Amino acid sequence: KAFVPSLDKALGLYIPLIVVNCLILARAEAYASKNGPVESAVDGMAMGLGFTLALTILGAVREILGAGTIFGFAILGASYEPALLFILPPGAFLTLGFLMALFNKVVKKKA
């Protein structure tokens, strides 16, 4: 951004997406190098489903708190005042932190 702002503007979101893709592929390769093809395929499917579930839950909570709706249907009623923070990017980090804390609390109670 500081040295070549025009290139940064042209690439936009692609650089962070490439970084995340490399992290996911590195994890998959590390597992596959130590396990057989069937175990690796099952692990890949499980990781994909887990990642999809986590993103779906995170997105749903942000949508409900940030807009009071899901798929355009009002969930919290007309009197609900939407919290703009949850729609913004920092809201994703806050929501993720709250969901992780809730998950850790629930898992700790079961043990």
PDB file of N, CA and C in Angstrom:
ATOM      1  N   LYS A   1       0.819  -1.190   0.000  1.00  0.00           N
ATOM      2  CA  LYS A   1       0.000   0.000   0.000  1.00  0.00           C
ATOM      3  C   LYS A   1       0.863   1.255   0.000  1.00  0.00           C
ATOM      4  N   ALA A   2       1.955   1.210   0.739  1.00  0.00           N
ATOM      5  CA  ALA A   2       2.780   2.409   0.868  1.00  0.00           C
ATOM      6  C   ALA A   2       3.647   2.651  -0.360  1.00  0.00           C
ATOM      7  N   PHE A   3       4.122   1.585  -0.990  1.00  0.00           N
ATOM      8  CA  PHE A   3       5.076   1.757  -2.083  1.00  0.00           C
ATOM      9  C   PHE A   3       4.417   1.797  -3.454  1.00  0.00           C
ATOM     10  N   VAL A   4       3.389   0.987  -3.662  1.00  0.00           N
ATOM     11  CA  VAL A   4       2.720   0.940  -4.972  1.00  0.00           C
ATOM     12  C   VAL A   4       1.201   0.945  -4.739  1.00  0.00           C
ATOM     13  N   PRO A   5       0.629   2.105  -4.420  1.00  0.00           N
ATOM     14  CA  PRO A   5      -0.802   2.156  -4.114  1.00  0.00           C
ATOM     15  C   PRO A   5      -1.687   1.737  -5.284  1.00  0.00           C
ATOM     16  N   SER A   6      -1.258   2.017  -6.506  1.00  0.00           N
ATOM     17  CA  SER A   6      -2.088   1.640  -7.658  1.00  0.00           C
ATOM     18  C   SER A   6      -2.171   0.120  -7.795  1.00  0.00           C
ATOM     19  N   LEU A   7      -1.068  -0.573  -7.536  1.00  0.00           N
ATOM     20  CA  LEU A   7      -1.074  -2.037  -7.591  1.00  0.00           C
ATOM     21  C   LEU A   7      -1.928  -2.609  -6.466  1.00  0.00           C
ATOM     22  N   ASP A   8      -1.826  -2.018  -5.283  1.00  0.00           N
ATOM     23  CA  ASP A   8      -2.643  -2.461  -4.158  1.00  0.00           C
ATOM     24  C   ASP A   8      -4.124  -2.298  -4.461  1.00  0.00           C
ATOM     25  N   LYS A   9      -4.472  -1.184  -5.081  1.00  0.00           N
ATOM     26  CA  LYS A   9      -5.874  -0.943  -5.429  1.00  0.00           C
ATOM     27  C   LYS A   9      -6.346  -1.922  -6.496  1.00  0.00           C
ATOM     28  N   ALA A  10      -5.489  -2.243  -7.459  1.00  0.00           N
ATOM     29  CA  ALA A  10      -5.860  -3.171  -8.536  1.00  0.00           C
ATOM     30  C   ALA A  10      -6.041  -4.590  -8.006  1.00  0.00           C
ATOM     31  N   LEU A  11      -5.178  -5.007  -7.080  1.00  0.00           N
ATOM     32  CA  LEU A  11      -5.265  -6.370  -6.553  1.00  0.00           C
ATOM     33  C   LEU A  11      -6.386  -6.520  -5.531  1.00  0.00           C
ATOM     34  N   GLY A  12      -6.638  -5.477  -4.772  1.00  0.00           N
ATOM     35  CA  GLY A  12      -7.745  -5.470  -3.826  1.00  0.00           C
ATOM     36  C   GLY A  12      -7.725  -6.649  -2.869  1.00  0.00           C
ATOM     37  N   LEU A  13      -8.773  -7.442  -2.915  1.00  0.00           N
ATOM     38  CA  LEU A  13      -8.970  -8.543  -1.978  1.00  0.00           C
ATOM     39  C   LEU A  13      -8.223  -9.807  -2.376  1.00  0.00           C
ATOM     40  N   TYR A  14      -7.613  -9.840  -3.550  1.00  0.00           N
ATOM     41  CA  TYR A  14      -6.992 -11.073  -4.036  1.00  0.00           C
ATOM     42  C   TYR A  14      -5.807 -11.525  -3.189  1.00  0.00           C
ATOM     43  N   ILE A  15      -5.004 -10.615  -2.701  1.00  0.00           N
ATOM     44  CA  ILE A  15      -3.828 -10.994  -1.909  1.00  0.00           C
ATOM     45  C   ILE A  15      -4.233 -11.698  -0.611  1.00  0.00           C
ATOM     46  N   PRO A  16      -5.158 -11.157   0.197  1.00  0.00           N
ATOM     47  CA  PRO A  16      -5.573 -11.903   1.392  1.00  0.00           C
ATOM     48  C   PRO A  16      -6.197 -13.262   1.054  1.00  0.00           C
ATOM     49  N   LEU A  17      -6.933 -13.347  -0.048  1.00  0.00           N
ATOM     50  CA  LEU A  17      -7.512 -14.634  -0.433  1.00  0.00           C
ATOM     51  C   LEU A  17      -6.434 -15.646  -0.792  1.00  0.00           C
ATOM     52  N   ILE A  18      -5.394 -15.205  -1.465  1.00  0.00           N
ATOM     53  CA  ILE A  18      -4.286 -16.099  -1.810  1.00  0.00           C
ATOM     54  C   ILE A  18      -3.581 -16.582  -0.542  1.00  0.00           C
ATOM     55  N   VAL A  19      -3.390 -15.699   0.421  1.00  0.00           N
ATOM     56  CA  VAL A  19      -2.734 -16.074   1.674  1.00  0.00           C
ATOM     57  C   VAL A  19      -3.549 -17.126   2.414  1.00  0.00           C
ATOM     58  N   VAL A  20      -4.856 -16.915   2.533  1.00  0.00           N
ATOM     59  CA  VAL A  20      -5.714 -17.885   3.215  1.00  0.00           C
ATOM     60  C   VAL A  20      -5.715 -19.208   2.466  1.00  0.00           C
ATOM     61  N   ASN A  21      -5.769 -19.163   1.147  1.00  0.00           N
ATOM     62  CA  ASN A  21      -5.732 -20.383   0.351  1.00  0.00           C
ATOM     63  C   ASN A  21      -4.439 -21.158   0.605  1.00  0.00           C
ATOM     64  N   CYS A  22      -3.314 -20.460   0.688  1.00  0.00           N
ATOM     65  CA  CYS A  22      -2.034 -21.124   0.954  1.00  0.00           C
ATOM     66  C   CYS A  22      -2.017 -21.774   2.333  1.00  0.00           C
ATOM     67  N   LEU A  23      -2.602 -21.119   3.328  1.00  0.00           N
ATOM     68  CA  LEU A  23      -2.665 -21.706   4.666  1.00  0.00           C
ATOM     69  C   LEU A  23      -3.486 -22.992   4.667  1.00  0.00           C
ATOM     70  N   ILE A  24      -4.630 -22.966   4.001  1.00  0.00           N
ATOM     71  CA  ILE A  24      -5.487 -24.148   3.945  1.00  0.00           C
ATOM     72  C   ILE A  24      -4.786 -25.279   3.206  1.00  0.00           C
ATOM     73  N   LEU A  25      -4.165 -24.969   2.081  1.00  0.00           N
ATOM     74  CA  LEU A  25      -3.466 -26.001   1.315  1.00  0.00           C
ATOM     75  C   LEU A  25      -2.257 -26.550   2.072  1.00  0.00           C
ATOM     76  N   ALA A  26      -1.539 -25.710   2.808  1.00  0.00           N
ATOM     77  CA  ALA A  26      -0.388 -26.174   3.585  1.00  0.00           C
ATOM     78  C   ALA A  26      -0.829 -27.149   4.665  1.00  0.00           C
ATOM     79  N   ARG A  27      -1.927 -26.873   5.321  1.00  0.00           N
ATOM     80  CA  ARG A  27      -2.443 -27.777   6.346  1.00  0.00           C
ATOM     81  C   ARG A  27      -2.863 -29.104   5.722  1.00  0.00           C
ATOM     82  N   ALA A  28      -3.555 -29.047   4.597  1.00  0.00           N
ATOM     83  CA  ALA A  28      -3.993 -30.269   3.916  1.00  0.00           C
ATOM     84  C   ALA A  28      -2.794 -31.093   3.451  1.00  0.00           C
ATOM     85  N   GLU A  29      -1.781 -30.436   2.924  1.00  0.00           N
ATOM     86  CA  GLU A  29      -0.590 -31.148   2.455  1.00  0.00           C
ATOM     87  C   GLU A  29       0.169 -31.782   3.619  1.00  0.00           C
ATOM     88  N   ALA A  30       0.262 -31.072   4.743  1.00  0.00           N
ATOM     89  CA  ALA A  30       0.955 -31.617   5.911  1.00  0.00           C
ATOM     90  C   ALA A  30       0.259 -32.877   6.415  1.00  0.00           C
ATOM     91  N   TYR A  31      -1.072 -32.883   6.412  1.00  0.00           N
ATOM     92  CA  TYR A  31      -1.813 -34.068   6.852  1.00  0.00           C
ATOM     93  C   TYR A  31      -1.673 -35.190   5.832  1.00  0.00           C
ATOM     94  N   ALA A  32      -1.804 -34.864   4.564  1.00  0.00           N
ATOM     95  CA  ALA A  32      -1.773 -35.887   3.515  1.00  0.00           C
ATOM     96  C   ALA A  32      -0.403 -36.541   3.394  1.00  0.00           C
ATOM     97  N   SER A  33       0.658 -35.823   3.728  1.00  0.00           N
ATOM     98  CA  SER A  33       1.996 -36.405   3.607  1.00  0.00           C
ATOM     99  C   SER A  33       2.252 -37.483   4.653  1.00  0.00           C
ATOM    100  N   LYS A  34       1.469 -37.491   5.733  1.00  0.00           N
ATOM    101  CA  LYS A  34       1.669 -38.460   6.810  1.00  0.00           C
ATOM    102  C   LYS A  34       0.573 -39.512   6.883  1.00  0.00           C
ATOM    103  N   ASN A  35      -0.430 -39.442   6.018  1.00  0.00           N
ATOM    104  CA  ASN A  35      -1.556 -40.369   6.058  1.00  0.00           C
ATOM    105  C   ASN A  35      -1.874 -40.853   4.655  1.00  0.00           C
ATOM    106  N   GLY A  36      -2.692 -41.895   4.585  1.00  0.00           N
ATOM    107  CA  GLY A  36      -3.065 -42.468   3.304  1.00  0.00           C
ATOM    108  C   GLY A  36      -4.100 -41.635   2.571  1.00  0.00           C
ATOM    109  N   PRO A  37      -4.413 -42.032   1.321  1.00  0.00           N
ATOM    110  CA  PRO A  37      -5.359 -41.256   0.517  1.00  0.00           C
ATOM    111  C   PRO A  37      -6.777 -41.232   1.079  1.00  0.00           C
ATOM    112  N   VAL A  38      -7.242 -42.349   1.633  1.00  0.00           N
ATOM    113  CA  VAL A  38      -8.613 -42.383   2.166  1.00  0.00           C
ATOM    114  C   VAL A  38      -8.721 -41.481   3.389  1.00  0.00           C
ATOM    115  N   GLU A  39      -7.769 -41.609   4.307  1.00  0.00           N
ATOM    116  CA  GLU A  39      -7.786 -40.760   5.506  1.00  0.00           C
ATOM    117  C   GLU A  39      -7.663 -39.287   5.132  1.00  0.00           C
ATOM    118  N   SER A  40      -6.838 -39.005   4.142  1.00  0.00           N
ATOM    119  CA  SER A  40      -6.653 -37.619   3.705  1.00  0.00           C
ATOM    120  C   SER A  40      -7.921 -37.059   3.076  1.00  0.00           C
ATOM    121  N   ALA A  41      -8.621 -37.886   2.290  1.00  0.00           N
ATOM    122  CA  ALA A  41      -9.876 -37.436   1.680  1.00  0.00           C
ATOM    123  C   ALA A  41     -10.934 -37.180   2.748  1.00  0.00           C
ATOM    124  N   VAL A  42     -11.022 -38.081   3.729  1.00  0.00           N
ATOM    125  CA  VAL A  42     -11.990 -37.900   4.821  1.00  0.00           C
ATOM    126  C   VAL A  42     -11.644 -36.645   5.621  1.00  0.00           C
ATOM    127  N   ASP A  43     -10.360 -36.456   5.897  1.00  0.00           N
ATOM    128  CA  ASP A  43      -9.931 -35.264   6.623  1.00  0.00           C
ATOM    129  C   ASP A  43     -10.265 -33.997   5.842  1.00  0.00           C
ATOM    130  N   GLY A  44     -10.034 -34.020   4.537  1.00  0.00           N
ATOM    131  CA  GLY A  44     -10.351 -32.862   3.708  1.00  0.00           C
ATOM    132  C   GLY A  44     -11.834 -32.526   3.722  1.00  0.00           C
ATOM    133  N   MET A  45     -12.665 -33.560   3.625  1.00  0.00           N
ATOM    134  CA  MET A  45     -14.120 -33.333   3.674  1.00  0.00           C
ATOM    135  C   MET A  45     -14.537 -32.798   5.047  1.00  0.00           C
ATOM    136  N   ALA A  46     -13.986 -33.377   6.113  1.00  0.00           N
ATOM    137  CA  ALA A  46     -14.340 -32.933   7.458  1.00  0.00           C
ATOM    138  C   ALA A  46     -13.889 -31.494   7.700  1.00  0.00           C
ATOM    139  N   MET A  47     -12.687 -31.163   7.251  1.00  0.00           N
ATOM    140  CA  MET A  47     -12.199 -29.790   7.416  1.00  0.00           C
ATOM    141  C   MET A  47     -13.056 -28.809   6.616  1.00  0.00           C
ATOM    142  N   GLY A  48     -13.423 -29.194   5.410  1.00  0.00           N
ATOM    143  CA  GLY A  48     -14.274 -28.335   4.586  1.00  0.00           C
ATOM    144  C   GLY A  48     -15.641 -28.114   5.204  1.00  0.00           C
ATOM    145  N   LEU A  49     -16.247 -29.192   5.714  1.00  0.00           N
ATOM    146  CA  LEU A  49     -17.558 -29.067   6.363  1.00  0.00           C
ATOM    147  C   LEU A  49     -17.463 -28.241   7.645  1.00  0.00           C
ATOM    148  N   GLY A  50     -16.404 -28.449   8.415  1.00  0.00           N
ATOM    149  CA  GLY A  50     -16.222 -27.674   9.641  1.00  0.00           C
ATOM    150  C   GLY A  50     -16.025 -26.197   9.355  1.00  0.00           C
ATOM    151  N   PHE A  51     -15.234 -25.892   8.340  1.00  0.00           N
ATOM    152  CA  PHE A  51     -14.996 -24.502   7.956  1.00  0.00           C
ATOM    153  C   PHE A  51     -16.288 -23.856   7.467  1.00  0.00           C
ATOM    154  N   THR A  52     -17.059 -24.599   6.671  1.00  0.00           N
ATOM    155  CA  THR A  52     -18.340 -24.089   6.172  1.00  0.00           C
ATOM    156  C   THR A  52     -19.308 -23.836   7.320  1.00  0.00           C
ATOM    157  N   LEU A  53     -19.373 -24.765   8.272  1.00  0.00           N
ATOM    158  CA  LEU A  53     -20.251 -24.599   9.427  1.00  0.00           C
ATOM    159  C   LEU A  53     -19.842 -23.379  10.252  1.00  0.00           C
ATOM    160  N   ALA A  54     -18.551 -23.217  10.483  1.00  0.00           N
ATOM    161  CA  ALA A  54     -18.075 -22.075  11.267  1.00  0.00           C
ATOM    162  C   ALA A  54     -18.411 -20.752  10.581  1.00  0.00           C
ATOM    163  N   LEU A  55     -18.190 -20.675   9.270  1.00  0.00           N
ATOM    164  CA  LEU A  55     -18.504 -19.441   8.539  1.00  0.00           C
ATOM    165  C   LEU A  55     -20.004 -19.169   8.503  1.00  0.00           C
ATOM    166  N   THR A  56     -20.802 -20.225   8.391  1.00  0.00           N
ATOM    167  CA  THR A  56     -22.257 -20.056   8.371  1.00  0.00           C
ATOM    168  C   THR A  56     -22.761 -19.534   9.707  1.00  0.00           C
ATOM    169  N   ILE A  57     -22.278 -20.111  10.801  1.00  0.00           N
ATOM    170  CA  ILE A  57     -22.694 -19.652  12.127  1.00  0.00           C
ATOM    171  C   ILE A  57     -22.240 -18.212  12.357  1.00  0.00           C
ATOM    172  N   LEU A  58     -20.996 -17.916  12.018  1.00  0.00           N
ATOM    173  CA  LEU A  58     -20.475 -16.556  12.188  1.00  0.00           C
ATOM    174  C   LEU A  58     -21.286 -15.556  11.369  1.00  0.00           C
ATOM    175  N   GLY A  59     -21.567 -15.882  10.129  1.00  0.00           N
ATOM    176  CA  GLY A  59     -22.347 -14.992   9.271  1.00  0.00           C
ATOM    177  C   GLY A  59     -23.772 -14.810   9.756  1.00  0.00           C
ATOM    178  N   ALA A  60     -24.390 -15.889  10.228  1.00  0.00           N
ATOM    179  CA  ALA A  60     -25.771 -15.800  10.712  1.00  0.00           C
ATOM    180  C   ALA A  60     -25.865 -14.926  11.956  1.00  0.00           C
ATOM    181  N   VAL A  61     -24.945 -15.114  12.887  1.00  0.00           N
ATOM    182  CA  VAL A  61     -24.960 -14.296  14.107  1.00  0.00           C
ATOM    183  C   VAL A  61     -24.732 -12.826  13.764  1.00  0.00           C
ATOM    184  N   ARG A  62     -23.782 -12.552  12.871  1.00  0.00           N
ATOM    185  CA  ARG A  62     -23.529 -11.165  12.468  1.00  0.00           C
ATOM    186  C   ARG A  62     -24.746 -10.558  11.781  1.00  0.00           C
ATOM    187  N   GLU A  63     -25.413 -11.324  10.927  1.00  0.00           N
ATOM    188  CA  GLU A  63     -26.595 -10.817  10.218  1.00  0.00           C
ATOM    189  C   GLU A  63     -27.734 -10.528  11.193  1.00  0.00           C
ATOM    190  N   ILE A  64     -27.943 -11.427  12.147  1.00  0.00           N
ATOM    191  CA  ILE A  64     -29.026 -11.228  13.115  1.00  0.00           C
ATOM    192  C   ILE A  64     -28.745 -10.010  13.991  1.00  0.00           C
ATOM    193  N   LEU A  65     -27.530  -9.897  14.515  1.00  0.00           N
ATOM    194  CA  LEU A  65     -27.208  -8.765  15.388  1.00  0.00           C
ATOM    195  C   LEU A  65     -27.037  -7.460  14.620  1.00  0.00           C
ATOM    196  N   GLY A  66     -26.519  -7.536  13.396  1.00  0.00           N
ATOM    197  CA  GLY A  66     -26.243  -6.329  12.627  1.00  0.00           C
ATOM    198  C   GLY A  66     -27.426  -5.774  11.872  1.00  0.00           C
ATOM    199  N   ALA A  67     -28.367  -6.637  11.479  1.00  0.00           N
ATOM    200  CA  ALA A  67     -29.517  -6.164  10.704  1.00  0.00           C
ATOM    201  C   ALA A  67     -30.851  -6.628  11.282  1.00  0.00           C
ATOM    202  N   GLY A  68     -30.812  -7.617  12.158  1.00  0.00           N
ATOM    203  CA  GLY A  68     -32.048  -8.149  12.730  1.00  0.00           C
ATOM    204  C   GLY A  68     -32.797  -9.056  11.779  1.00  0.00           C
ATOM    205  N   THR A  69     -32.131  -9.501  10.711  1.00  0.00           N
ATOM    206  CA  THR A  69     -32.799 -10.337   9.711  1.00  0.00           C
ATOM    207  C   THR A  69     -31.944 -11.555   9.374  1.00  0.00           C
ATOM    208  N   ILE A  70     -32.607 -12.528   8.773  1.00  0.00           N
ATOM    209  CA  ILE A  70     -31.935 -13.676   8.150  1.00  0.00           C
ATOM    210  C   ILE A  70     -32.641 -13.902   6.832  1.00  0.00           C
ATOM    211  N   PHE A  71     -31.888 -13.915   5.753  1.00  0.00           N
ATOM    212  CA  PHE A  71     -32.437 -14.086   4.404  1.00  0.00           C
ATOM    213  C   PHE A  71     -33.557 -13.095   4.112  1.00  0.00           C
ATOM    214  N   GLY A  72     -33.461 -11.888   4.690  1.00  0.00           N
ATOM    215  CA  GLY A  72     -34.445 -10.850   4.445  1.00  0.00           C
ATOM    216  C   GLY A  72     -35.665 -10.905   5.346  1.00  0.00           C
ATOM    217  N   PHE A  73     -35.768 -11.918   6.196  1.00  0.00           N
ATOM    218  CA  PHE A  73     -36.902 -12.040   7.109  1.00  0.00           C
ATOM    219  C   PHE A  73     -36.525 -11.466   8.471  1.00  0.00           C
ATOM    220  N   ALA A  74     -37.389 -10.589   8.994  1.00  0.00           N
ATOM    221  CA  ALA A  74     -37.129  -9.977  10.295  1.00  0.00           C
ATOM    222  C   ALA A  74     -37.205 -11.039  11.382  1.00  0.00           C
ATOM    223  N   ILE A  75     -36.155 -11.144  12.171  1.00  0.00           N
ATOM    224  CA  ILE A  75     -36.086 -12.138  13.239  1.00  0.00           C
ATOM    225  C   ILE A  75     -36.378 -11.501  14.593  1.00  0.00           C
ATOM    226  N   LEU A  76     -35.829 -10.332  14.825  1.00  0.00           N
ATOM    227  CA  LEU A  76     -35.907  -9.710  16.145  1.00  0.00           C
ATOM    228  C   LEU A  76     -37.012  -8.670  16.274  1.00  0.00           C
ATOM    229  N   GLY A  77     -37.873  -8.539  15.298  1.00  0.00           N
ATOM    230  CA  GLY A  77     -38.993  -7.619  15.383  1.00  0.00           C
ATOM    231  C   GLY A  77     -38.661  -6.215  14.917  1.00  0.00           C
ATOM    232  N   ALA A  78     -39.705  -5.414  14.768  1.00  0.00           N
ATOM    233  CA  ALA A  78     -39.556  -4.054  14.242  1.00  0.00           C
ATOM    234  C   ALA A  78     -38.914  -3.114  15.251  1.00  0.00           C
ATOM    235  N   SER A  79     -39.025  -3.422  16.539  1.00  0.00           N
ATOM    236  CA  SER A  79     -38.471  -2.531  17.557  1.00  0.00           C
ATOM    237  C   SER A  79     -36.963  -2.713  17.742  1.00  0.00           C
ATOM    238  N   TYR A  80     -36.371  -3.720  17.094  1.00  0.00           N
ATOM    239  CA  TYR A  80     -34.930  -3.978  17.254  1.00  0.00           C
ATOM    240  C   TYR A  80     -34.123  -2.897  16.553  1.00  0.00           C
ATOM    241  N   GLU A  81     -33.171  -2.352  17.265  1.00  0.00           N
ATOM    242  CA  GLU A  81     -32.257  -1.348  16.715  1.00  0.00           C
ATOM    243  C   GLU A  81     -30.980  -2.070  16.274  1.00  0.00           C
ATOM    244  N   PRO A  82     -30.742  -2.192  14.959  1.00  0.00           N
ATOM    245  CA  PRO A  82     -29.566  -2.941  14.482  1.00  0.00           C
ATOM    246  C   PRO A  82     -28.254  -2.352  14.991  1.00  0.00           C
ATOM    247  N   ALA A  83     -27.319  -3.223  15.288  1.00  0.00           N
ATOM    248  CA  ALA A  83     -25.991  -2.818  15.751  1.00  0.00           C
ATOM    249  C   ALA A  83     -25.050  -2.823  14.553  1.00  0.00           C
ATOM    250  N   LEU A  84     -24.755  -1.650  14.029  1.00  0.00           N
ATOM    251  CA  LEU A  84     -23.937  -1.512  12.826  1.00  0.00           C
ATOM    252  C   LEU A  84     -22.560  -2.153  12.989  1.00  0.00           C
ATOM    253  N   LEU A  85     -22.031  -2.169  14.194  1.00  0.00           N
ATOM    254  CA  LEU A  85     -20.699  -2.722  14.438  1.00  0.00           C
ATOM    255  C   LEU A  85     -20.574  -4.152  13.927  1.00  0.00           C
ATOM    256  N   PHE A  86     -21.618  -4.954  14.072  1.00  0.00           N
ATOM    257  CA  PHE A  86     -21.534  -6.359  13.685  1.00  0.00           C
ATOM    258  C   PHE A  86     -21.500  -6.558  12.175  1.00  0.00           C
ATOM    259  N   ILE A  87     -21.941  -5.576  11.416  1.00  0.00           N
ATOM    260  CA  ILE A  87     -21.903  -5.682   9.957  1.00  0.00           C
ATOM    261  C   ILE A  87     -20.517  -5.308   9.426  1.00  0.00           C
ATOM    262  N   LEU A  88     -19.809  -4.466  10.158  1.00  0.00           N
ATOM    263  CA  LEU A  88     -18.483  -4.009   9.743  1.00  0.00           C
ATOM    264  C   LEU A  88     -17.426  -5.091   9.997  1.00  0.00           C
ATOM    265  N   PRO A  89     -16.275  -5.017   9.316  1.00  0.00           N
ATOM    266  CA  PRO A  89     -15.220  -6.021   9.510  1.00  0.00           C
ATOM    267  C   PRO A  89     -14.780  -6.229  10.964  1.00  0.00           C
ATOM    268  N   PRO A  90     -14.629  -5.177  11.785  1.00  0.00           N
ATOM    269  CA  PRO A  90     -14.257  -5.449  13.181  1.00  0.00           C
ATOM    270  C   PRO A  90     -15.313  -6.268  13.927  1.00  0.00           C
ATOM    271  N   GLY A  91     -16.558  -6.161  13.486  1.00  0.00           N
ATOM    272  CA  GLY A  91     -17.619  -6.949  14.099  1.00  0.00           C
ATOM    273  C   GLY A  91     -17.426  -8.438  13.911  1.00  0.00           C
ATOM    274  N   ALA A  92     -16.780  -8.818  12.813  1.00  0.00           N
ATOM    275  CA  ALA A  92     -16.496 -10.239  12.586  1.00  0.00           C
ATOM    276  C   ALA A  92     -15.520 -10.747  13.639  1.00  0.00           C
ATOM    277  N   PHE A  93     -14.505  -9.964  13.954  1.00  0.00           N
ATOM    278  CA  PHE A  93     -13.542 -10.382  14.969  1.00  0.00           C
ATOM    279  C   PHE A  93     -14.186 -10.447  16.351  1.00  0.00           C
ATOM    280  N   LEU A  94     -15.009  -9.455  16.678  1.00  0.00           N
ATOM    281  CA  LEU A  94     -15.702  -9.483  17.966  1.00  0.00           C
ATOM    282  C   LEU A  94     -16.640 -10.682  18.060  1.00  0.00           C
ATOM    283  N   THR A  95     -17.408 -10.912  17.006  1.00  0.00           N
ATOM    284  CA  THR A  95     -18.341 -12.034  17.001  1.00  0.00           C
ATOM    285  C   THR A  95     -17.589 -13.348  17.110  1.00  0.00           C
ATOM    286  N   LEU A  96     -16.497 -13.493  16.372  1.00  0.00           N
ATOM    287  CA  LEU A  96     -15.697 -14.711  16.450  1.00  0.00           C
ATOM    288  C   LEU A  96     -15.169 -14.916  17.866  1.00  0.00           C
ATOM    289  N   GLY A  97     -14.705 -13.852  18.497  1.00  0.00           N
ATOM    290  CA  GLY A  97     -14.223 -13.952  19.874  1.00  0.00           C
ATOM    291  C   GLY A  97     -15.317 -14.373  20.836  1.00  0.00           C
ATOM    292  N   PHE A  98     -16.511 -13.786  20.701  1.00  0.00           N
ATOM    293  CA  PHE A  98     -17.629 -14.164  21.564  1.00  0.00           C
ATOM    294  C   PHE A  98     -18.048 -15.610  21.334  1.00  0.00           C
ATOM    295  N   LEU A  99     -18.091 -16.033  20.069  1.00  0.00           N
ATOM    296  CA  LEU A  99     -18.468 -17.417  19.769  1.00  0.00           C
ATOM    297  C   LEU A  99     -17.427 -18.404  20.292  1.00  0.00           C
ATOM    298  N   MET A 100     -16.146 -18.056  20.195  1.00  0.00           N
ATOM    299  CA  MET A 100     -15.101 -18.930  20.736  1.00  0.00           C
ATOM    300  C   MET A 100     -15.199 -19.017  22.258  1.00  0.00           C
ATOM    301  N   ALA A 101     -15.476 -17.894  22.914  1.00  0.00           N
ATOM    302  CA  ALA A 101     -15.637 -17.903  24.368  1.00  0.00           C
ATOM    303  C   ALA A 101     -16.837 -18.753  24.772  1.00  0.00           C
ATOM    304  N   LEU A 102     -17.934 -18.611  24.045  1.00  0.00           N
ATOM    305  CA  LEU A 102     -19.124 -19.417  24.327  1.00  0.00           C
ATOM    306  C   LEU A 102     -18.840 -20.901  24.118  1.00  0.00           C
ATOM    307  N   PHE A 103     -18.163 -21.228  23.031  1.00  0.00           N
ATOM    308  CA  PHE A 103     -17.815 -22.620  22.753  1.00  0.00           C
ATOM    309  C   PHE A 103     -16.926 -23.187  23.857  1.00  0.00           C
ATOM    310  N   ASN A 104     -15.912 -22.428  24.268  1.00  0.00           N
ATOM    311  CA  ASN A 104     -15.020 -22.893  25.333  1.00  0.00           C
ATOM    312  C   ASN A 104     -15.765 -23.070  26.648  1.00  0.00           C
ATOM    313  N   LYS A 105     -16.704 -22.187  26.937  1.00  0.00           N
ATOM    314  CA  LYS A 105     -17.503 -22.300  28.160  1.00  0.00           C
ATOM    315  C   LYS A 105     -18.359 -23.561  28.125  1.00  0.00           C
ATOM    316  N   VAL A 106     -18.994 -23.831  26.992  1.00  0.00           N
ATOM    317  CA  VAL A 106     -19.854 -25.013  26.865  1.00  0.00           C
ATOM    318  C   VAL A 106     -19.024 -26.289  26.955  1.00  0.00           C
ATOM    319  N   VAL A 107     -17.894 -26.332  26.273  1.00  0.00           N
ATOM    320  CA  VAL A 107     -17.045 -27.526  26.293  1.00  0.00           C
ATOM    321  C   VAL A 107     -16.483 -27.759  27.690  1.00  0.00           C
ATOM    322  N   LYS A 108     -16.110 -26.705  28.386  1.00  0.00           N
ATOM    323  CA  LYS A 108     -15.562 -26.848  29.732  1.00  0.00           C
ATOM    324  C   LYS A 108     -16.608 -27.386  30.696  1.00  0.00           C
ATOM    325  N   LYS A 109     -17.869 -27.000  30.551  1.00  0.00           N
ATOM    326  CA  LYS A 109     -18.930 -27.488  31.431  1.00  0.00           C
ATOM    327  C   LYS A 109     -19.165 -28.983  31.254  1.00  0.00           C
ATOM    328  N   LYS A 110     -19.009 -29.472  30.029  1.00  0.00           N
ATOM    329  CA  LYS A 110     -19.259 -30.883  29.764  1.00  0.00           C
ATOM    330  C   LYS A 110     -18.170 -31.773  30.343  1.00  0.00           C
ATOM    331  N   ALA A 111     -16.972 -31.260  30.488  1.00  0.00           N
ATOM    332  CA  ALA A 111     -15.843 -32.096  30.923  1.00  0.00           C
ATOM    333  C   ALA A 111     -15.908 -32.435  32.389  1.00  0.00           C
TER     334      ALA A 111
END
